[in-house]
Amino acid sequence: MKWAYVVAALVFGLAAAGVTVVVPFVTTSFNVAAGYSAKLTCSAVFVAGRDPAHVYNHELSGTIGKVTDVAVVNREERYVTTTASLFGFFPVQRLPLASDDVSLPPAPTNAWPARLAHGDGEEVDRELLNSVIEEQLDPAKHRDVDTRAIIVVRNGRIVAERYGPDFQPHTRLASWSNAKSVISTLIGIRIAQGHLRLDQTRLFPEWSNAADPRSNITLANLLHMSSGLEFDEKYDRHSDARDMLFLRPSMSDFAVNKPLIHAPGTKWAYSSGTSNLLARLLRSTFATDEEYWAFPRQALYEPLGMDSALMETDAAGTFVGSSYMYATARDWAKFGQLFLNEGQWPTDGDAAEEHQQVLTPGWVRYVQTPAPASKHRYSAQWWLNGAATEGKGDDVFDAASADLFWQRELPTDAYWAHGFEHQFVMVVPSRKAVIVRLGRTPDVTKWDLARFFRVVFQALPPSS
């Protein structure tokens, strides 16, 4: 049941019983609905260049759109306003909180570096690969899957690339939790530069008192989603995650004030709040905000030619490391290819072997190493193949059995960034492959993930 319908049931059911205490809950829920609609529309229009009516019809109308109107876009002053209400009750208007003085990166060139190619890109069953991809994009067969982009890279060459209706190679697409793997990467670069340590404690002023048990949380605990902090990640009702992402001007302030409920390092619990704490910690390593805001572009995007990449900040100016990044499908593929290349990226020098070491090989190995409390399912803001050690990870989180089912179709060494509605940037060293899938699939039961990956990897045999 969608949460909008839950709100409606509570309003009318409790009203009939003469109960009025539901009003604050409903008001908060409608604030979340308005915030979600306004944020999604604002980024889609001003970052991705999409039409607001298309966004409403394809992202909002079936769920949040039940209680929100089509957003009003002010293109001159560059803001979005959304009103949420239920039959005229509890109208809430979401207004922009941050300055509009923001410079977007230049229009994506979207070039794929020819010097990435190596080995034989033709050891691929292209007919089989193309057939399964075309099937995913066929609205007659997969209307509820809504795949918007798929790219498969083999030996540094793009061997398959397709886009859904109304989406093009230059369209910036949302990351959702793919952003977690990017913020982890930026932390890894900053560690290599000597500004952070994995065993570092007392990470924030709020945790600096030795009597505060949160003072013992390490950077490694945050990366591993094992901080022990309270955080409710559910999205089917009012929760910490929804509150943080759509109501709070400072997401990291919300997360940093959560209490400790488990000893650090002893309990794995997926938390978008944790990823925003990483973004705040990253910010603390710079003398100025200008240096912080420029860092992703200088340290990661520019070396890889990720011209389209943009990680958004919250109203307090901290990157939303949990959720809010946009890039073209090709630029997401470049991000995955960096890890397949063990942190190296070719430069424009004359010698074919010239490259830049963007990430240390040690960091690439680190993100493939299971977090101790994750039962082999997760590393440093990346997902691992839990089915490779099946029986050790079944109790990690609620959807474990469903996830393990499709993960059985993956090579054991696969690891990936994974975002809401099934965004994937998958790195598979044994197949010398990167697989990017971007789209909107809120109900995974509508998509046979196991079959999709089974066929993809049949078309990509182990690389010699």
Protein backbone atom coordinates (compact mmCIF):
# COMPACT_ATOMS: atom_id res chain seq x y z
CA MET A 1 0.00 0.00 0.00
CA LYS A 2 1.39 3.40 -0.94
CA TRP A 3 1.94 5.71 2.00
CA ALA A 4 -0.43 8.35 0.57
CA TYR A 5 -3.28 5.89 1.00
CA VAL A 6 -2.18 5.13 4.55
CA VAL A 7 -2.43 8.83 5.38
CA ALA A 8 -5.92 9.01 3.89
CA ALA A 9 -7.08 6.03 5.95
CA LEU A 10 -5.73 7.56 9.14
CA VAL A 11 -7.33 10.93 8.48
CA PHE A 12 -10.83 9.63 7.87
CA GLY A 13 -10.70 6.71 10.28
CA LEU A 14 -9.57 8.81 13.24
CA ALA A 15 -11.81 11.72 12.30
CA ALA A 16 -14.79 9.38 12.51
CA ALA A 17 -13.65 8.40 15.99
CA GLY A 18 -13.34 12.02 17.04
CA VAL A 19 -9.54 11.88 17.30
CA THR A 20 -7.62 15.01 16.29
CA VAL A 21 -4.03 14.19 17.25
CA VAL A 22 -3.37 12.94 13.73
CA VAL A 23 -2.97 16.50 12.43
CA PRO A 24 0.78 16.90 13.17
CA PHE A 25 1.52 13.51 11.62
CA VAL A 26 -0.52 14.29 8.51
CA THR A 27 1.00 17.75 8.19
CA THR A 28 4.49 16.25 8.35
CA SER A 29 3.56 13.61 5.79
CA PHE A 30 2.21 16.21 3.40
CA ASN A 31 5.33 18.30 3.90
CA VAL A 32 7.33 15.24 2.85
CA ALA A 33 5.12 14.77 -0.21
CA ALA A 34 5.51 18.40 -1.21
CA GLY A 35 9.24 18.31 -0.55
CA TYR A 36 9.71 15.13 -2.59
CA SER A 37 7.72 16.51 -5.51
CA ALA A 38 9.45 19.89 -5.50
CA LYS A 39 12.94 18.45 -5.14
CA LEU A 40 12.48 15.81 -7.82
CA THR A 41 10.97 18.31 -10.25
CA CYS A 42 13.56 21.01 -9.56
CA SER A 43 16.50 18.70 -10.25
CA ALA A 44 14.84 17.05 -13.24
CA VAL A 45 14.06 20.42 -14.86
CA PHE A 46 17.14 22.48 -14.03
CA VAL A 47 19.81 19.75 -13.87
CA ALA A 48 18.53 17.09 -16.28
CA GLY A 49 16.67 19.42 -18.67
CA ARG A 50 13.38 17.53 -18.54
CA ASP A 51 9.83 18.80 -18.95
CA PRO A 52 7.94 19.19 -15.62
CA ALA A 53 4.79 17.56 -17.01
CA HIS A 54 6.85 14.53 -18.07
CA VAL A 55 8.32 14.32 -14.57
CA TYR A 56 4.86 14.45 -13.00
CA ASN A 57 3.39 11.85 -15.35
CA HIS A 58 6.31 9.40 -15.12
CA GLU A 59 7.57 9.87 -11.55
CA LEU A 60 4.80 11.30 -9.42
CA SER A 61 1.29 10.77 -10.73
CA GLY A 62 0.87 7.19 -9.50
CA THR A 63 2.03 7.78 -5.91
CA ILE A 64 2.94 11.22 -4.53
CA GLY A 65 0.88 12.74 -7.33
CA LYS A 66 -2.26 11.49 -5.60
CA VAL A 67 -1.81 14.33 -3.10
CA THR A 68 0.34 16.86 -5.00
CA ASP A 69 -0.32 19.08 -7.97
CA VAL A 70 1.96 19.46 -10.98
CA ALA A 71 4.83 21.62 -9.77
CA VAL A 72 4.91 25.27 -10.76
CA VAL A 73 8.32 26.04 -12.28
CA ASN A 74 9.63 29.60 -12.25
CA ARG A 75 12.34 29.48 -14.90
CA GLU A 76 13.39 33.11 -14.54
CA GLU A 77 14.06 32.92 -10.81
CA ARG A 78 14.86 29.20 -11.01
CA TYR A 79 12.72 27.66 -8.30
CA VAL A 80 9.88 25.15 -8.02
CA THR A 81 6.75 25.31 -5.87
CA THR A 82 4.53 22.34 -5.07
CA THR A 83 1.30 22.14 -3.07
CA ALA A 84 0.20 18.95 -1.33
CA SER A 85 -3.32 18.40 -0.02
CA LEU A 86 -5.97 15.75 0.49
CA PHE A 87 -9.37 16.89 -0.76
CA GLY A 88 -8.41 20.42 0.22
CA PHE A 89 -7.24 19.55 3.74
CA PHE A 90 -3.73 20.20 5.10
CA PRO A 91 -2.39 22.20 2.15
CA VAL A 92 1.38 22.54 2.39
CA GLN A 93 3.57 24.54 0.07
CA ARG A 94 7.20 23.65 -0.29
CA LEU A 95 9.42 26.65 -1.05
CA PRO A 96 13.14 26.67 -1.93
CA LEU A 97 15.47 27.01 1.05
CA ALA A 98 18.85 27.48 -0.58
CA SER A 99 20.41 30.21 -2.67
CA ASP A 100 19.87 29.94 -6.42
CA ASP A 101 23.41 31.20 -7.07
CA VAL A 102 24.63 27.87 -8.42
CA SER A 103 26.73 27.20 -11.51
CA LEU A 104 25.99 23.99 -13.36
CA PRO A 105 28.82 22.16 -15.12
CA PRO A 106 29.04 22.65 -18.89
CA ALA A 107 26.82 20.65 -21.20
CA PRO A 108 28.05 17.04 -21.35
CA THR A 109 30.34 16.18 -24.27
CA ASN A 110 29.62 12.52 -23.51
CA ALA A 111 32.71 11.28 -25.32
CA TRP A 112 33.95 7.79 -24.44
CA PRO A 113 37.77 7.72 -24.12
CA ALA A 114 39.16 5.63 -26.97
CA ARG A 115 42.27 4.91 -24.92
CA LEU A 116 40.25 2.92 -22.41
CA ALA A 117 39.85 0.11 -24.92
CA HIS A 118 42.12 -2.89 -24.49
CA GLY A 119 42.00 -6.57 -25.32
CA ASP A 120 39.24 -8.01 -27.48
CA GLY A 121 35.92 -6.26 -27.14
CA GLU A 122 34.34 -8.76 -29.52
CA GLU A 123 34.37 -11.75 -27.18
CA VAL A 124 30.74 -10.93 -26.49
CA ASP A 125 27.54 -12.53 -27.75
CA ARG A 126 26.16 -9.23 -29.03
CA GLU A 127 22.99 -10.73 -30.43
CA LEU A 128 22.07 -12.24 -27.06
CA LEU A 129 23.11 -9.12 -25.17
CA ASN A 130 21.16 -6.78 -27.43
CA SER A 131 18.07 -8.98 -27.27
CA VAL A 132 17.83 -8.88 -23.48
CA ILE A 133 18.46 -5.13 -23.42
CA GLU A 134 15.86 -4.42 -26.11
CA GLU A 135 13.41 -6.52 -24.13
CA GLN A 136 13.99 -4.36 -21.04
CA LEU A 137 13.20 -1.24 -23.05
CA ASP A 138 10.03 -2.63 -24.65
CA PRO A 139 7.11 -0.90 -22.88
CA ALA A 140 4.73 -3.61 -24.08
CA LYS A 141 6.67 -6.18 -22.04
CA HIS A 142 8.08 -4.09 -19.22
CA ARG A 143 5.88 -1.03 -18.76
CA ASP A 144 6.36 -1.11 -14.98
CA VAL A 145 10.14 -1.53 -15.20
CA ASP A 146 10.79 1.84 -16.91
CA THR A 147 14.43 1.36 -17.83
CA ARG A 148 15.90 4.66 -19.04
CA ALA A 149 19.47 3.71 -19.88
CA ILE A 150 21.60 0.57 -20.08
CA ILE A 151 25.30 0.51 -20.93
CA VAL A 152 27.58 -2.52 -20.98
CA VAL A 153 31.34 -2.00 -21.16
CA ARG A 154 33.73 -4.85 -21.91
CA ASN A 155 37.51 -4.46 -22.02
CA GLY A 156 37.08 -0.70 -21.94
CA ARG A 157 34.75 -0.64 -24.96
CA ILE A 158 31.03 0.09 -24.97
CA VAL A 159 29.51 -3.08 -26.41
CA ALA A 160 25.85 -2.20 -25.78
CA GLU A 161 24.08 1.10 -25.16
CA ARG A 162 20.34 1.76 -25.24
CA TYR A 163 17.99 4.47 -23.97
CA GLY A 164 14.31 4.52 -23.12
CA PRO A 165 11.76 6.81 -24.77
CA ASP A 166 12.38 10.52 -24.07
CA PHE A 167 15.89 9.89 -22.71
CA GLN A 168 19.12 10.47 -24.62
CA PRO A 169 22.85 9.92 -24.11
CA HIS A 170 23.21 13.53 -22.89
CA THR A 171 20.44 13.25 -20.27
CA ARG A 172 21.66 13.51 -16.70
CA LEU A 173 20.02 10.73 -14.68
CA ALA A 174 19.45 10.49 -10.94
CA SER A 175 21.72 8.45 -8.75
CA TRP A 176 19.71 8.00 -5.61
CA SER A 177 21.97 5.77 -3.48
CA ASN A 178 24.57 5.33 -6.20
CA ALA A 179 25.81 8.58 -4.68
CA LYS A 180 26.93 6.66 -1.59
CA SER A 181 29.65 4.93 -3.61
CA VAL A 182 30.77 8.30 -4.97
CA ILE A 183 31.03 9.95 -1.55
CA SER A 184 33.00 6.89 -0.40
CA THR A 185 35.35 7.37 -3.35
CA LEU A 186 35.92 11.01 -2.43
CA ILE A 187 36.67 9.94 1.14
CA GLY A 188 39.18 7.42 -0.23
CA ILE A 189 40.94 10.13 -2.22
CA ARG A 190 41.06 12.38 0.83
CA ILE A 191 42.54 9.55 2.91
CA ALA A 192 45.26 9.08 0.29
CA GLN A 193 45.99 12.81 0.51
CA GLY A 194 46.61 12.43 4.25
CA HIS A 195 43.61 14.39 5.54
CA LEU A 196 41.62 11.49 7.02
CA ARG A 197 42.30 8.09 8.62
CA LEU A 198 40.12 4.99 8.75
CA ASP A 199 40.72 4.65 12.51
CA GLN A 200 39.94 8.31 13.18
CA THR A 201 37.50 8.95 16.06
CA ARG A 202 35.78 11.99 17.61
CA LEU A 203 34.68 12.80 14.09
CA PHE A 204 32.38 15.74 14.85
CA PRO A 205 32.21 18.44 17.54
CA GLU A 206 28.94 16.92 18.78
CA TRP A 207 30.85 13.69 19.51
CA SER A 208 34.05 15.18 20.92
CA ASN A 209 33.32 14.57 24.60
CA ALA A 210 35.05 11.39 25.75
CA ALA A 211 32.01 10.59 27.90
CA ASP A 212 29.85 10.45 24.77
CA PRO A 213 29.95 6.85 23.41
CA ARG A 214 29.66 8.26 19.89
CA SER A 215 33.21 9.57 20.30
CA ASN A 216 34.38 5.99 19.66
CA ILE A 217 32.77 5.74 16.21
CA THR A 218 35.51 5.48 13.57
CA LEU A 219 35.52 6.60 9.97
CA ALA A 220 35.65 2.91 9.02
CA ASN A 221 32.45 2.33 11.05
CA LEU A 222 30.69 5.03 9.02
CA LEU A 223 31.91 3.66 5.71
CA HIS A 224 30.77 0.17 6.72
CA MET A 225 27.26 1.26 7.86
CA SER A 226 28.21 -0.02 11.31
CA SER A 227 28.21 3.16 13.38
CA GLY A 228 25.59 1.91 15.83
CA LEU A 229 23.57 5.12 15.44
CA GLU A 230 19.79 5.02 15.45
CA PHE A 231 18.31 5.63 11.99
CA ASP A 232 15.06 4.46 10.41
CA GLU A 233 15.64 3.90 6.67
CA LYS A 234 12.13 2.72 5.78
CA TYR A 235 10.43 4.49 2.87
CA ASP A 236 6.90 3.07 3.08
CA ARG A 237 5.93 5.43 5.91
CA HIS A 238 7.12 8.50 7.79
CA SER A 239 10.73 7.78 8.76
CA ASP A 240 14.12 9.31 9.49
CA ALA A 241 15.15 8.91 5.86
CA ARG A 242 12.13 10.77 4.49
CA ASP A 243 12.32 13.43 7.18
CA MET A 244 16.02 14.02 6.53
CA LEU A 245 15.85 14.07 2.72
CA PHE A 246 12.76 16.22 2.25
CA LEU A 247 12.29 18.36 5.36
CA ARG A 248 15.69 19.20 6.84
CA PRO A 249 17.84 22.13 5.66
CA SER A 250 20.92 20.38 7.10
CA MET A 251 20.76 16.63 6.60
CA SER A 252 24.02 15.96 8.41
CA ASP A 253 22.85 17.95 11.46
CA PHE A 254 19.83 15.66 11.61
CA ALA A 255 22.01 12.53 11.43
CA VAL A 256 24.79 13.67 13.75
CA ASN A 257 22.36 14.14 16.65
CA LYS A 258 21.01 10.59 16.52
CA PRO A 259 21.71 8.49 19.64
CA LEU A 260 23.89 5.40 19.75
CA ILE A 261 21.89 2.17 20.12
CA HIS A 262 24.62 -0.41 19.36
CA ALA A 263 28.33 -0.52 20.09
CA PRO A 264 30.23 0.82 17.06
CA GLY A 265 31.27 -1.88 14.62
CA THR A 266 28.97 -4.58 16.01
CA LYS A 267 25.75 -4.10 14.02
CA TRP A 268 25.27 -3.48 10.29
CA ALA A 269 22.35 -1.19 9.47
CA TYR A 270 21.85 0.59 6.16
CA SER A 271 21.56 4.33 6.79
CA SER A 272 21.42 7.28 4.42
CA GLY A 273 22.14 9.44 7.44
CA THR A 274 25.55 7.81 7.71
CA SER A 275 26.44 8.73 4.12
CA ASN A 276 25.54 12.35 4.80
CA LEU A 277 27.80 12.26 7.85
CA LEU A 278 30.60 11.18 5.51
CA ALA A 279 29.84 14.21 3.33
CA ARG A 280 30.00 16.46 6.40
CA LEU A 281 33.28 14.88 7.52
CA LEU A 282 34.71 15.45 4.05
CA ARG A 283 33.71 19.12 4.30
CA SER A 284 35.57 19.49 7.60
CA THR A 285 38.88 18.67 5.89
CA PHE A 286 38.87 21.83 3.76
CA ALA A 287 39.79 25.36 4.79
CA THR A 288 36.99 26.89 2.72
CA ASP A 289 33.66 25.80 1.33
CA GLU A 290 34.81 26.77 -2.15
CA GLU A 291 37.57 24.16 -1.94
CA TYR A 292 35.08 21.57 -0.71
CA TRP A 293 32.55 22.26 -3.45
CA ALA A 294 35.27 22.13 -6.12
CA PHE A 295 36.82 18.92 -4.81
CA PRO A 296 34.63 16.30 -6.56
CA ARG A 297 35.18 17.95 -9.92
CA GLN A 298 38.91 18.44 -9.49
CA ALA A 299 39.68 15.08 -7.86
CA LEU A 300 37.27 12.76 -9.68
CA TYR A 301 35.06 14.13 -12.44
CA GLU A 302 37.66 16.05 -14.47
CA PRO A 303 40.29 13.28 -14.52
CA LEU A 304 37.67 10.85 -15.86
CA GLY A 305 35.97 13.30 -18.21
CA MET A 306 32.71 12.99 -16.25
CA ASP A 307 31.57 16.33 -17.66
CA SER A 308 27.94 15.85 -16.68
CA ALA A 309 28.48 14.81 -13.06
CA LEU A 310 26.90 16.95 -10.37
CA MET A 311 26.41 16.13 -6.69
CA GLU A 312 23.86 18.42 -5.09
CA THR A 313 24.18 20.02 -1.67
CA ASP A 314 21.55 20.51 0.98
CA ALA A 315 20.49 24.01 2.05
CA ALA A 316 23.42 24.10 4.49
CA GLY A 317 25.90 23.56 1.67
CA THR A 318 26.89 19.96 2.47
CA PHE A 319 26.85 17.40 -0.33
CA VAL A 320 23.92 15.01 -0.10
CA GLY A 321 26.22 12.01 -0.21
CA SER A 322 23.36 9.61 0.34
CA SER A 323 21.17 10.36 -2.63
CA TYR A 324 21.42 13.45 -4.81
CA MET A 325 23.80 13.08 -7.73
CA TYR A 326 23.16 13.38 -11.46
CA ALA A 327 25.23 12.18 -14.41
CA THR A 328 24.77 10.69 -17.86
CA ALA A 329 24.81 6.92 -18.21
CA ARG A 330 28.21 7.10 -19.91
CA ASP A 331 29.65 9.09 -17.03
CA TRP A 332 28.29 6.52 -14.57
CA ALA A 333 30.03 3.87 -16.69
CA LYS A 334 33.31 5.82 -16.47
CA PHE A 335 32.96 5.78 -12.69
CA GLY A 336 32.63 1.99 -12.70
CA GLN A 337 35.48 1.63 -15.18
CA LEU A 338 37.80 3.53 -12.82
CA PHE A 339 37.41 0.70 -10.30
CA LEU A 340 37.82 -1.96 -12.96
CA ASN A 341 41.09 -0.21 -13.88
CA GLU A 342 42.23 -0.45 -10.24
CA GLY A 343 42.08 3.30 -9.83
CA GLN A 344 44.01 4.23 -12.98
CA TRP A 345 42.77 6.45 -15.80
CA PRO A 346 44.48 7.10 -19.16
CA THR A 347 45.80 10.61 -19.76
CA ASP A 348 46.27 12.54 -22.98
CA GLY A 349 50.02 11.95 -23.11
CA ASP A 350 51.75 10.54 -26.17
CA ALA A 351 52.80 7.29 -24.54
CA ALA A 352 50.06 4.66 -24.58
CA GLU A 353 50.93 3.57 -21.06
CA GLU A 354 50.54 7.03 -19.55
CA HIS A 355 47.85 7.21 -16.89
CA GLN A 356 46.81 9.00 -13.73
CA GLN A 357 46.38 7.12 -10.47
CA VAL A 358 43.06 8.65 -9.37
CA LEU A 359 42.52 6.06 -6.61
CA THR A 360 45.07 3.93 -4.83
CA PRO A 361 44.90 0.18 -5.61
CA GLY A 362 44.51 -0.30 -1.87
CA TRP A 363 41.27 1.67 -1.87
CA VAL A 364 39.89 -0.36 -4.76
CA ARG A 365 40.64 -3.53 -2.76
CA TYR A 366 39.12 -1.97 0.36
CA VAL A 367 35.73 -1.43 -1.28
CA GLN A 368 35.71 -5.12 -2.29
CA THR A 369 36.38 -6.26 1.29
CA PRO A 370 33.27 -7.13 3.35
CA ALA A 371 32.42 -4.93 6.29
CA PRO A 372 32.92 -7.14 9.38
CA ALA A 373 29.32 -6.79 10.61
CA SER A 374 27.65 -7.07 7.18
CA LYS A 375 27.75 -10.87 6.81
CA HIS A 376 29.58 -10.48 3.47
CA ARG A 377 26.85 -8.30 1.93
CA TYR A 378 28.41 -4.83 2.01
CA SER A 379 31.72 -3.01 2.06
CA ALA A 380 32.60 0.71 2.16
CA GLN A 381 29.36 2.11 0.68
CA TRP A 382 29.36 -0.56 -2.05
CA TRP A 383 27.28 -3.75 -2.26
CA LEU A 384 28.88 -7.19 -2.50
CA ASN A 385 27.54 -10.49 -3.81
CA GLY A 386 25.92 -11.98 -0.73
CA ALA A 387 24.97 -15.11 -2.66
CA ALA A 388 28.68 -15.90 -3.01
CA THR A 389 28.67 -16.69 0.72
CA GLU A 390 25.04 -17.76 0.99
CA GLY A 391 24.02 -18.84 4.45
CA LYS A 392 26.17 -16.17 6.08
CA GLY A 393 24.10 -13.19 5.03
CA ASP A 394 20.46 -14.26 5.14
CA ASP A 395 19.62 -12.25 8.24
CA VAL A 396 21.25 -8.96 7.29
CA PHE A 397 18.16 -7.07 6.23
CA ASP A 398 14.50 -7.65 5.44
CA ALA A 399 14.78 -8.24 1.69
CA ALA A 400 17.78 -10.55 1.94
CA SER A 401 16.13 -13.61 0.44
CA ALA A 402 14.85 -11.73 -2.62
CA ASP A 403 18.21 -10.05 -3.18
CA LEU A 404 20.14 -13.28 -2.76
CA PHE A 405 17.90 -14.88 -5.38
CA TRP A 406 19.04 -12.61 -8.21
CA GLN A 407 22.57 -12.29 -6.86
CA ARG A 408 23.02 -16.01 -7.49
CA GLU A 409 23.16 -15.09 -11.19
CA LEU A 410 26.17 -12.81 -10.69
CA PRO A 411 29.85 -13.73 -10.82
CA THR A 412 31.11 -14.04 -7.26
CA ASP A 413 33.45 -11.05 -7.62
CA ALA A 414 30.75 -8.58 -8.74
CA TYR A 415 30.31 -5.45 -6.63
CA TRP A 416 28.11 -2.46 -7.29
CA ALA A 417 26.64 0.91 -6.44
CA HIS A 418 22.89 0.49 -5.99
CA GLY A 419 20.26 3.21 -5.83
CA PHE A 420 16.56 3.49 -5.08
CA GLU A 421 14.32 2.20 -7.87
CA HIS A 422 17.18 -0.02 -9.00
CA GLN A 423 19.95 2.16 -10.30
CA PHE A 424 23.08 0.03 -10.79
CA VAL A 425 26.73 0.66 -11.52
CA MET A 426 28.14 -2.86 -11.42
CA VAL A 427 31.84 -3.74 -11.64
CA VAL A 428 32.76 -7.33 -12.56
CA PRO A 429 36.54 -7.91 -12.70
CA SER A 430 36.32 -11.55 -13.86
CA ARG A 431 34.35 -10.45 -16.93
CA LYS A 432 36.29 -7.18 -17.39
CA ALA A 433 32.89 -5.56 -17.51
CA VAL A 434 30.94 -2.61 -16.18
CA ILE A 435 27.14 -2.66 -16.34
CA VAL A 436 25.08 0.50 -15.83
CA ARG A 437 21.30 0.44 -15.54
CA LEU A 438 19.31 3.57 -14.71
CA GLY A 439 15.54 3.84 -14.48
CA ARG A 440 12.52 3.88 -12.26
CA THR A 441 11.39 0.51 -10.91
CA PRO A 442 9.77 1.06 -7.51
CA ASP A 443 8.32 -2.47 -7.45
CA VAL A 444 11.12 -4.97 -8.10
CA THR A 445 8.59 -7.81 -8.37
CA LYS A 446 7.70 -6.37 -11.78
CA TRP A 447 11.25 -7.00 -13.03
CA ASP A 448 12.83 -10.43 -13.34
CA LEU A 449 16.29 -9.35 -12.22
CA ALA A 450 17.55 -12.91 -12.03
CA ARG A 451 16.75 -13.59 -15.68
CA PHE A 452 18.16 -10.24 -16.81
CA PHE A 453 21.54 -10.83 -15.19
CA ARG A 454 21.59 -14.51 -16.17
CA VAL A 455 21.31 -13.60 -19.85
CA VAL A 456 23.71 -10.65 -19.60
CA PHE A 457 26.43 -12.83 -18.14
CA GLN A 458 25.77 -15.59 -20.65
CA ALA A 459 26.62 -12.96 -23.25
CA LEU A 460 29.75 -11.94 -21.32
CA PRO A 461 31.80 -15.10 -20.77
CA PRO A 462 34.79 -15.04 -18.41
CA SER A 463 37.50 -12.91 -19.96
CA SER A 464 40.73 -14.59 -20.97
